[in-house]
Amino acid sequence: VLGASGHIAGVINPPAKKRRSYWT
């Protein structure tokens, strides 16, 4: 799975924020 953003912000991306995206 590939997430948007960087080393930390990409990992710490809680669902409730409804931010960023990911590729699967």
mmCIF file of all heavy atoms, coordinates in Angstrom:
data_MODEL
# 
_entry.id   MODEL 
# 
loop_
_atom_site.group_PDB 
_atom_site.id 
_atom_site.type_symbol 
_atom_site.label_atom_id 
_atom_site.label_alt_id 
_atom_site.label_comp_id 
_atom_site.label_asym_id 
_atom_site.label_entity_id 
_atom_site.label_seq_id 
_atom_site.pdbx_PDB_ins_code 
_atom_site.Cartn_x 
_atom_site.Cartn_y 
_atom_site.Cartn_z 
_atom_site.occupancy 
_atom_site.B_iso_or_equiv 
_atom_site.pdbx_formal_charge 
_atom_site.auth_seq_id 
_atom_site.auth_comp_id 
_atom_site.auth_asym_id 
_atom_site.auth_atom_id 
_atom_site.pdbx_PDB_model_num 
ATOM 1   N N   . VAL A 1 1  ? 0.858   -1.182 0.000  1.00 0.00 ? 1  VAL A N   1 
ATOM 2   C CA  . VAL A 1 1  ? 0.000   0.000  0.000  1.00 0.00 ? 1  VAL A CA  1 
ATOM 3   C C   . VAL A 1 1  ? 0.894   1.232  0.000  1.00 0.00 ? 1  VAL A C   1 
ATOM 4   O O   . VAL A 1 1  ? 1.869   1.310  0.766  1.00 0.00 ? 1  VAL A O   1 
ATOM 5   C CB  . VAL A 1 1  ? -0.935  0.013  1.222  1.00 0.00 ? 1  VAL A CB  1 
ATOM 6   C CG1 . VAL A 1 1  ? -1.672  1.342  1.332  1.00 0.00 ? 1  VAL A CG1 1 
ATOM 7   C CG2 . VAL A 1 1  ? -1.932  -1.138 1.135  1.00 0.00 ? 1  VAL A CG2 1 
ATOM 8   N N   . LEU A 1 2  ? 0.572   2.184  -0.854 1.00 0.00 ? 2  LEU A N   1 
ATOM 9   C CA  . LEU A 1 2  ? 1.328   3.425  -0.954 1.00 0.00 ? 2  LEU A CA  1 
ATOM 10  C C   . LEU A 1 2  ? 0.459   4.576  -0.469 1.00 0.00 ? 2  LEU A C   1 
ATOM 11  O O   . LEU A 1 2  ? -0.651  4.783  -0.966 1.00 0.00 ? 2  LEU A O   1 
ATOM 12  C CB  . LEU A 1 2  ? 1.742   3.664  -2.408 1.00 0.00 ? 2  LEU A CB  1 
ATOM 13  C CG  . LEU A 1 2  ? 2.526   4.944  -2.697 1.00 0.00 ? 2  LEU A CG  1 
ATOM 14  C CD1 . LEU A 1 2  ? 3.871   4.941  -1.974 1.00 0.00 ? 2  LEU A CD1 1 
ATOM 15  C CD2 . LEU A 1 2  ? 2.718   5.132  -4.198 1.00 0.00 ? 2  LEU A CD2 1 
ATOM 16  N N   . GLY A 1 3  ? 0.946   5.307  0.522  1.00 0.00 ? 3  GLY A N   1 
ATOM 17  C CA  . GLY A 1 3  ? 0.201   6.431  1.054  1.00 0.00 ? 3  GLY A CA  1 
ATOM 18  C C   . GLY A 1 3  ? 0.749   7.756  0.566  1.00 0.00 ? 3  GLY A C   1 
ATOM 19  O O   . GLY A 1 3  ? 1.911   7.860  0.167  1.00 0.00 ? 3  GLY A O   1 
ATOM 20  N N   . ALA A 1 4  ? -0.083  8.772  0.584  1.00 0.00 ? 4  ALA A N   1 
ATOM 21  C CA  . ALA A 1 4  ? 0.367   10.120 0.238  1.00 0.00 ? 4  ALA A CA  1 
ATOM 22  C C   . ALA A 1 4  ? 1.194   10.691 1.383  1.00 0.00 ? 4  ALA A C   1 
ATOM 23  O O   . ALA A 1 4  ? 1.193   10.177 2.493  1.00 0.00 ? 4  ALA A O   1 
ATOM 24  C CB  . ALA A 1 4  ? -0.842  11.009 -0.047 1.00 0.00 ? 4  ALA A CB  1 
ATOM 25  N N   . SER A 1 5  ? 1.924   11.763 1.090  1.00 0.00 ? 5  SER A N   1 
ATOM 26  C CA  . SER A 1 5  ? 2.707   12.516 2.063  1.00 0.00 ? 5  SER A CA  1 
ATOM 27  C C   . SER A 1 5  ? 4.017   11.815 2.409  1.00 0.00 ? 5  SER A C   1 
ATOM 28  O O   . SER A 1 5  ? 4.490   10.956 1.672  1.00 0.00 ? 5  SER A O   1 
ATOM 29  C CB  . SER A 1 5  ? 1.877   12.814 3.319  1.00 0.00 ? 5  SER A CB  1 
ATOM 30  O OG  . SER A 1 5  ? 2.473   13.857 4.066  1.00 0.00 ? 5  SER A OG  1 
ATOM 31  N N   . GLY A 1 6  ? 4.614   12.201 3.558  1.00 0.00 ? 6  GLY A N   1 
ATOM 32  C CA  . GLY A 1 6  ? 5.981   11.821 3.864  1.00 0.00 ? 6  GLY A CA  1 
ATOM 33  C C   . GLY A 1 6  ? 6.125   10.737 4.905  1.00 0.00 ? 6  GLY A C   1 
ATOM 34  O O   . GLY A 1 6  ? 5.177   10.021 5.234  1.00 0.00 ? 6  GLY A O   1 
ATOM 35  N N   . HIS A 1 7  ? 7.342   10.653 5.450  1.00 0.00 ? 7  HIS A N   1 
ATOM 36  C CA  . HIS A 1 7  ? 7.747   9.556  6.319  1.00 0.00 ? 7  HIS A CA  1 
ATOM 37  C C   . HIS A 1 7  ? 6.857   9.437  7.554  1.00 0.00 ? 7  HIS A C   1 
ATOM 38  O O   . HIS A 1 7  ? 6.486   8.326  7.942  1.00 0.00 ? 7  HIS A O   1 
ATOM 39  C CB  . HIS A 1 7  ? 9.208   9.764  6.746  1.00 0.00 ? 7  HIS A CB  1 
ATOM 40  C CG  . HIS A 1 7  ? 9.813   8.611  7.474  1.00 0.00 ? 7  HIS A CG  1 
ATOM 41  N ND1 . HIS A 1 7  ? 10.106  7.405  6.864  1.00 0.00 ? 7  HIS A ND1 1 
ATOM 42  C CD2 . HIS A 1 7  ? 10.196  8.465  8.763  1.00 0.00 ? 7  HIS A CD2 1 
ATOM 43  C CE1 . HIS A 1 7  ? 10.645  6.580  7.744  1.00 0.00 ? 7  HIS A CE1 1 
ATOM 44  N NE2 . HIS A 1 7  ? 10.702  7.197  8.903  1.00 0.00 ? 7  HIS A NE2 1 
ATOM 45  N N   . ILE A 1 8  ? 6.514   10.549 8.168  1.00 0.00 ? 8  ILE A N   1 
ATOM 46  C CA  . ILE A 1 8  ? 5.691   10.538 9.376  1.00 0.00 ? 8  ILE A CA  1 
ATOM 47  C C   . ILE A 1 8  ? 4.238   10.860 9.058  1.00 0.00 ? 8  ILE A C   1 
ATOM 48  O O   . ILE A 1 8  ? 3.320   10.120 9.444  1.00 0.00 ? 8  ILE A O   1 
ATOM 49  C CB  . ILE A 1 8  ? 6.239   11.531 10.418 1.00 0.00 ? 8  ILE A CB  1 
ATOM 50  C CG1 . ILE A 1 8  ? 7.658   11.136 10.850 1.00 0.00 ? 8  ILE A CG1 1 
ATOM 51  C CG2 . ILE A 1 8  ? 5.313   11.588 11.628 1.00 0.00 ? 8  ILE A CG2 1 
ATOM 52  C CD1 . ILE A 1 8  ? 7.757   9.790  11.508 1.00 0.00 ? 8  ILE A CD1 1 
ATOM 53  N N   . ALA A 1 9  ? 4.011   11.953 8.327  1.00 0.00 ? 9  ALA A N   1 
ATOM 54  C CA  . ALA A 1 9  ? 2.626   12.378 8.066  1.00 0.00 ? 9  ALA A CA  1 
ATOM 55  C C   . ALA A 1 9  ? 1.852   11.342 7.275  1.00 0.00 ? 9  ALA A C   1 
ATOM 56  O O   . ALA A 1 9  ? 0.634   11.219 7.429  1.00 0.00 ? 9  ALA A O   1 
ATOM 57  C CB  . ALA A 1 9  ? 2.623   13.715 7.338  1.00 0.00 ? 9  ALA A CB  1 
ATOM 58  N N   . GLY A 1 10 ? 2.537   10.588 6.413  1.00 0.00 ? 10 GLY A N   1 
ATOM 59  C CA  . GLY A 1 10 ? 1.854   9.539  5.669  1.00 0.00 ? 10 GLY A CA  1 
ATOM 60  C C   . GLY A 1 10 ? 1.403   8.396  6.556  1.00 0.00 ? 10 GLY A C   1 
ATOM 61  O O   . GLY A 1 10 ? 0.327   7.820  6.356  1.00 0.00 ? 10 GLY A O   1 
ATOM 62  N N   . VAL A 1 11 ? 2.214   8.063  7.541  1.00 0.00 ? 11 VAL A N   1 
ATOM 63  C CA  . VAL A 1 11 ? 1.877   6.964  8.455  1.00 0.00 ? 11 VAL A CA  1 
ATOM 64  C C   . VAL A 1 11 ? 0.803   7.397  9.444  1.00 0.00 ? 11 VAL A C   1 
ATOM 65  O O   . VAL A 1 11 ? -0.188  6.689  9.671  1.00 0.00 ? 11 VAL A O   1 
ATOM 66  C CB  . VAL A 1 11 ? 3.141   6.485  9.205  1.00 0.00 ? 11 VAL A CB  1 
ATOM 67  C CG1 . VAL A 1 11 ? 2.781   5.484  10.298 1.00 0.00 ? 11 VAL A CG1 1 
ATOM 68  C CG2 . VAL A 1 11 ? 4.129   5.856  8.232  1.00 0.00 ? 11 VAL A CG2 1 
ATOM 69  N N   . ILE A 1 12 ? 0.993   8.562  10.053 1.00 0.00 ? 12 ILE A N   1 
ATOM 70  C CA  . ILE A 1 12 ? 0.046   9.035  11.066 1.00 0.00 ? 12 ILE A CA  1 
ATOM 71  C C   . ILE A 1 12 ? -1.053  9.825  10.360 1.00 0.00 ? 12 ILE A C   1 
ATOM 72  O O   . ILE A 1 12 ? -1.020  11.062 10.262 1.00 0.00 ? 12 ILE A O   1 
ATOM 73  C CB  . ILE A 1 12 ? 0.765   9.890  12.125 1.00 0.00 ? 12 ILE A CB  1 
ATOM 74  C CG1 . ILE A 1 12 ? 1.961   9.127  12.700 1.00 0.00 ? 12 ILE A CG1 1 
ATOM 75  C CG2 . ILE A 1 12 ? -0.211  10.269 13.242 1.00 0.00 ? 12 ILE A CG2 1 
ATOM 76  C CD1 . ILE A 1 12 ? 1.609   7.765  13.286 1.00 0.00 ? 12 ILE A CD1 1 
ATOM 77  N N   . ASN A 1 13 ? -2.039  9.099  9.864  1.00 0.00 ? 13 ASN A N   1 
ATOM 78  C CA  . ASN A 1 13 ? -3.127  9.686  9.074  1.00 0.00 ? 13 ASN A CA  1 
ATOM 79  C C   . ASN A 1 13 ? -4.452  9.072  9.515  1.00 0.00 ? 13 ASN A C   1 
ATOM 80  O O   . ASN A 1 13 ? -5.000  8.190  8.854  1.00 0.00 ? 13 ASN A O   1 
ATOM 81  C CB  . ASN A 1 13 ? -2.882  9.433  7.582  1.00 0.00 ? 13 ASN A CB  1 
ATOM 82  C CG  . ASN A 1 13 ? -3.918  10.115 6.708  1.00 0.00 ? 13 ASN A CG  1 
ATOM 83  O OD1 . ASN A 1 13 ? -4.504  11.122 7.101  1.00 0.00 ? 13 ASN A OD1 1 
ATOM 84  N ND2 . ASN A 1 13 ? -4.167  9.547  5.538  1.00 0.00 ? 13 ASN A ND2 1 
ATOM 85  N N   . PRO A 1 14 ? -4.993  9.513  10.647 1.00 0.00 ? 14 PRO A N   1 
ATOM 86  C CA  . PRO A 1 14 ? -6.213  8.907  11.188 1.00 0.00 ? 14 PRO A CA  1 
ATOM 87  C C   . PRO A 1 14 ? -7.411  9.070  10.261 1.00 0.00 ? 14 PRO A C   1 
ATOM 88  O O   . PRO A 1 14 ? -7.565  10.115 9.607  1.00 0.00 ? 14 PRO A O   1 
ATOM 89  C CB  . PRO A 1 14 ? -6.422  9.641  12.518 1.00 0.00 ? 14 PRO A CB  1 
ATOM 90  C CG  . PRO A 1 14 ? -5.663  10.913 12.367 1.00 0.00 ? 14 PRO A CG  1 
ATOM 91  C CD  . PRO A 1 14 ? -4.490  10.609 11.501 1.00 0.00 ? 14 PRO A CD  1 
ATOM 92  N N   . PRO A 1 15 ? -8.281  8.077  10.198 1.00 0.00 ? 15 PRO A N   1 
ATOM 93  C CA  . PRO A 1 15 ? -9.431  8.128  9.282  1.00 0.00 ? 15 PRO A CA  1 
ATOM 94  C C   . PRO A 1 15 ? -10.373 9.294  9.529  1.00 0.00 ? 15 PRO A C   1 
ATOM 95  O O   . PRO A 1 15 ? -10.932 9.849  8.582  1.00 0.00 ? 15 PRO A O   1 
ATOM 96  C CB  . PRO A 1 15 ? -10.132 6.787  9.525  1.00 0.00 ? 15 PRO A CB  1 
ATOM 97  C CG  . PRO A 1 15 ? -9.083  5.891  10.089 1.00 0.00 ? 15 PRO A CG  1 
ATOM 98  C CD  . PRO A 1 15 ? -8.174  6.770  10.884 1.00 0.00 ? 15 PRO A CD  1 
ATOM 99  N N   . ALA A 1 16 ? -10.541 9.676  10.784 1.00 0.00 ? 16 ALA A N   1 
ATOM 100 C CA  . ALA A 1 16 ? -11.511 10.724 11.102 1.00 0.00 ? 16 ALA A CA  1 
ATOM 101 C C   . ALA A 1 16 ? -11.151 12.058 10.460 1.00 0.00 ? 16 ALA A C   1 
ATOM 102 O O   . ALA A 1 16 ? -12.025 12.890 10.203 1.00 0.00 ? 16 ALA A O   1 
ATOM 103 C CB  . ALA A 1 16 ? -11.632 10.892 12.621 1.00 0.00 ? 16 ALA A CB  1 
ATOM 104 N N   . LYS A 1 17 ? -9.880  12.264 10.165 1.00 0.00 ? 17 LYS A N   1 
ATOM 105 C CA  . LYS A 1 17 ? -9.452  13.530 9.557  1.00 0.00 ? 17 LYS A CA  1 
ATOM 106 C C   . LYS A 1 17 ? -9.877  13.623 8.085  1.00 0.00 ? 17 LYS A C   1 
ATOM 107 O O   . LYS A 1 17 ? -9.929  14.716 7.521  1.00 0.00 ? 17 LYS A O   1 
ATOM 108 C CB  . LYS A 1 17 ? -7.936  13.671 9.658  1.00 0.00 ? 17 LYS A CB  1 
ATOM 109 C CG  . LYS A 1 17 ? -7.402  13.718 11.084 1.00 0.00 ? 17 LYS A CG  1 
ATOM 110 C CD  . LYS A 1 17 ? -7.682  15.041 11.743 1.00 0.00 ? 17 LYS A CD  1 
ATOM 111 C CE  . LYS A 1 17 ? -6.993  15.137 13.088 1.00 0.00 ? 17 LYS A CE  1 
ATOM 112 N NZ  . LYS A 1 17 ? -7.260  16.418 13.780 1.00 0.00 ? 17 LYS A NZ  1 
ATOM 113 N N   . LYS A 1 18 ? -10.108 12.467 7.454  1.00 0.00 ? 18 LYS A N   1 
ATOM 114 C CA  . LYS A 1 18 ? -10.498 12.399 6.038  1.00 0.00 ? 18 LYS A CA  1 
ATOM 115 C C   . LYS A 1 18 ? -9.526  13.198 5.158  1.00 0.00 ? 18 LYS A C   1 
ATOM 116 O O   . LYS A 1 18 ? -9.918  14.020 4.326  1.00 0.00 ? 18 LYS A O   1 
ATOM 117 C CB  . LYS A 1 18 ? -11.935 12.918 5.853  1.00 0.00 ? 18 LYS A CB  1 
ATOM 118 C CG  . LYS A 1 18 ? -12.961 12.069 6.582  1.00 0.00 ? 18 LYS A CG  1 
ATOM 119 C CD  . LYS A 1 18 ? -14.376 12.571 6.365  1.00 0.00 ? 18 LYS A CD  1 
ATOM 120 C CE  . LYS A 1 18 ? -15.373 11.681 7.094  1.00 0.00 ? 18 LYS A CE  1 
ATOM 121 N NZ  . LYS A 1 18 ? -16.770 12.147 6.926  1.00 0.00 ? 18 LYS A NZ  1 
ATOM 122 N N   . ARG A 1 19 ? -8.235  12.919 5.399  1.00 0.00 ? 19 ARG A N   1 
ATOM 123 C CA  . ARG A 1 19 ? -7.198  13.638 4.676  1.00 0.00 ? 19 ARG A CA  1 
ATOM 124 C C   . ARG A 1 19 ? -6.375  12.679 3.832  1.00 0.00 ? 19 ARG A C   1 
ATOM 125 O O   . ARG A 1 19 ? -6.323  11.492 4.065  1.00 0.00 ? 19 ARG A O   1 
ATOM 126 C CB  . ARG A 1 19 ? -6.278  14.375 5.653  1.00 0.00 ? 19 ARG A CB  1 
ATOM 127 C CG  . ARG A 1 19 ? -6.943  15.456 6.469  1.00 0.00 ? 19 ARG A CG  1 
ATOM 128 C CD  . ARG A 1 19 ? -5.978  16.074 7.448  1.00 0.00 ? 19 ARG A CD  1 
ATOM 129 N NE  . ARG A 1 19 ? -4.845  16.722 6.764  1.00 0.00 ? 19 ARG A NE  1 
ATOM 130 C CZ  . ARG A 1 19 ? -3.754  17.145 7.397  1.00 0.00 ? 19 ARG A CZ  1 
ATOM 131 N NH1 . ARG A 1 19 ? -3.636  16.966 8.702  1.00 0.00 ? 19 ARG A NH1 1 
ATOM 132 N NH2 . ARG A 1 19 ? -2.780  17.726 6.718  1.00 0.00 ? 19 ARG A NH2 1 
ATOM 133 N N   . ARG A 1 20 ? -5.725  13.220 2.843  1.00 0.00 ? 20 ARG A N   1 
ATOM 134 C CA  . ARG A 1 20 ? -4.768  12.521 1.991  1.00 0.00 ? 20 ARG A CA  1 
ATOM 135 C C   . ARG A 1 20 ? -5.442  11.365 1.242  1.00 0.00 ? 20 ARG A C   1 
ATOM 136 O O   . ARG A 1 20 ? -6.652  11.354 1.053  1.00 0.00 ? 20 ARG A O   1 
ATOM 137 C CB  . ARG A 1 20 ? -3.559  12.059 2.805  1.00 0.00 ? 20 ARG A CB  1 
ATOM 138 C CG  . ARG A 1 20 ? -2.890  13.199 3.580  1.00 0.00 ? 20 ARG A CG  1 
ATOM 139 C CD  . ARG A 1 20 ? -1.582  12.779 4.213  1.00 0.00 ? 20 ARG A CD  1 
ATOM 140 N NE  . ARG A 1 20 ? -1.028  13.916 4.936  1.00 0.00 ? 20 ARG A NE  1 
ATOM 141 C CZ  . ARG A 1 20 ? -1.174  14.102 6.242  1.00 0.00 ? 20 ARG A CZ  1 
ATOM 142 N NH1 . ARG A 1 20 ? -1.814  13.205 6.968  1.00 0.00 ? 20 ARG A NH1 1 
ATOM 143 N NH2 . ARG A 1 20 ? -0.664  15.174 6.830  1.00 0.00 ? 20 ARG A NH2 1 
ATOM 144 N N   . SER A 1 21 ? -4.623  10.425 0.802  1.00 0.00 ? 21 SER A N   1 
ATOM 145 C CA  . SER A 1 21 ? -5.132  9.301  0.024  1.00 0.00 ? 21 SER A CA  1 
ATOM 146 C C   . SER A 1 21 ? -4.093  8.203  0.041  1.00 0.00 ? 21 SER A C   1 
ATOM 147 O O   . SER A 1 21 ? -2.992  8.360  0.600  1.00 0.00 ? 21 SER A O   1 
ATOM 148 C CB  . SER A 1 21 ? -5.431  9.728  -1.421 1.00 0.00 ? 21 SER A CB  1 
ATOM 149 O OG  . SER A 1 21 ? -4.249  10.206 -2.051 1.00 0.00 ? 21 SER A OG  1 
ATOM 150 N N   . TYR A 1 22 ? -4.431  7.074  -0.569 1.00 0.00 ? 22 TYR A N   1 
ATOM 151 C CA  . TYR A 1 22 ? -3.485  5.967  -0.671 1.00 0.00 ? 22 TYR A CA  1 
ATOM 152 C C   . TYR A 1 22 ? -3.814  5.170  -1.931 1.00 0.00 ? 22 TYR A C   1 
ATOM 153 O O   . TYR A 1 22 ? -4.903  5.284  -2.506 1.00 0.00 ? 22 TYR A O   1 
ATOM 154 C CB  . TYR A 1 22 ? -3.527  5.077  0.577  1.00 0.00 ? 22 TYR A CB  1 
ATOM 155 C CG  . TYR A 1 22 ? -4.855  4.389  0.831  1.00 0.00 ? 22 TYR A CG  1 
ATOM 156 C CD1 . TYR A 1 22 ? -5.051  3.048  0.484  1.00 0.00 ? 22 TYR A CD1 1 
ATOM 157 C CD2 . TYR A 1 22 ? -5.920  5.064  1.431  1.00 0.00 ? 22 TYR A CD2 1 
ATOM 158 C CE1 . TYR A 1 22 ? -6.256  2.411  0.727  1.00 0.00 ? 22 TYR A CE1 1 
ATOM 159 C CE2 . TYR A 1 22 ? -7.126  4.448  1.674  1.00 0.00 ? 22 TYR A CE2 1 
ATOM 160 C CZ  . TYR A 1 22 ? -7.290  3.116  1.320  1.00 0.00 ? 22 TYR A CZ  1 
ATOM 161 O OH  . TYR A 1 22 ? -8.500  2.487  1.545  1.00 0.00 ? 22 TYR A OH  1 
ATOM 162 N N   . TRP A 1 23 ? -2.860  4.362  -2.374 1.00 0.00 ? 23 TRP A N   1 
ATOM 163 C CA  . TRP A 1 23 ? -2.996  3.570  -3.587 1.00 0.00 ? 23 TRP A CA  1 
ATOM 164 C C   . TRP A 1 23 ? -2.886  2.088  -3.246 1.00 0.00 ? 23 TRP A C   1 
ATOM 165 O O   . TRP A 1 23 ? -2.029  1.686  -2.447 1.00 0.00 ? 23 TRP A O   1 
ATOM 166 C CB  . TRP A 1 23 ? -1.908  3.932  -4.598 1.00 0.00 ? 23 TRP A CB  1 
ATOM 167 C CG  . TRP A 1 23 ? -2.054  5.290  -5.199 1.00 0.00 ? 23 TRP A CG  1 
ATOM 168 C CD1 . TRP A 1 23 ? -2.587  5.607  -6.416 1.00 0.00 ? 23 TRP A CD1 1 
ATOM 169 C CD2 . TRP A 1 23 ? -1.643  6.541  -4.623 1.00 0.00 ? 23 TRP A CD2 1 
ATOM 170 N NE1 . TRP A 1 23 ? -2.542  6.966  -6.630 1.00 0.00 ? 23 TRP A NE1 1 
ATOM 171 C CE2 . TRP A 1 23 ? -1.966  7.563  -5.547 1.00 0.00 ? 23 TRP A CE2 1 
ATOM 172 C CE3 . TRP A 1 23 ? -1.031  6.891  -3.402 1.00 0.00 ? 23 TRP A CE3 1 
ATOM 173 C CZ2 . TRP A 1 23 ? -1.702  8.900  -5.294 1.00 0.00 ? 23 TRP A CZ2 1 
ATOM 174 C CZ3 . TRP A 1 23 ? -0.765  8.224  -3.151 1.00 0.00 ? 23 TRP A CZ3 1 
ATOM 175 C CH2 . TRP A 1 23 ? -1.106  9.214  -4.081 1.00 0.00 ? 23 TRP A CH2 1 
ATOM 176 N N   . THR A 1 24 ? -3.770  1.291  -3.837 1.00 0.00 ? 24 THR A N   1 
ATOM 177 C CA  . THR A 1 24 ? -3.776  -0.146 -3.564 1.00 0.00 ? 24 THR A CA  1 
ATOM 178 C C   . THR A 1 24 ? -4.090  -0.915 -4.840 1.00 0.00 ? 24 THR A C   1 
ATOM 179 O O   . THR A 1 24 ? -4.562  -0.353 -5.830 1.00 0.00 ? 24 THR A O   1 
ATOM 180 C CB  . THR A 1 24 ? -4.857  -0.520 -2.523 1.00 0.00 ? 24 THR A CB  1 
ATOM 181 O OG1 . THR A 1 24 ? -6.152  -0.208 -3.063 1.00 0.00 ? 24 THR A OG1 1 
ATOM 182 C CG2 . THR A 1 24 ? -4.663  0.192  -1.209 1.00 0.00 ? 24 THR A CG2 1 
# 
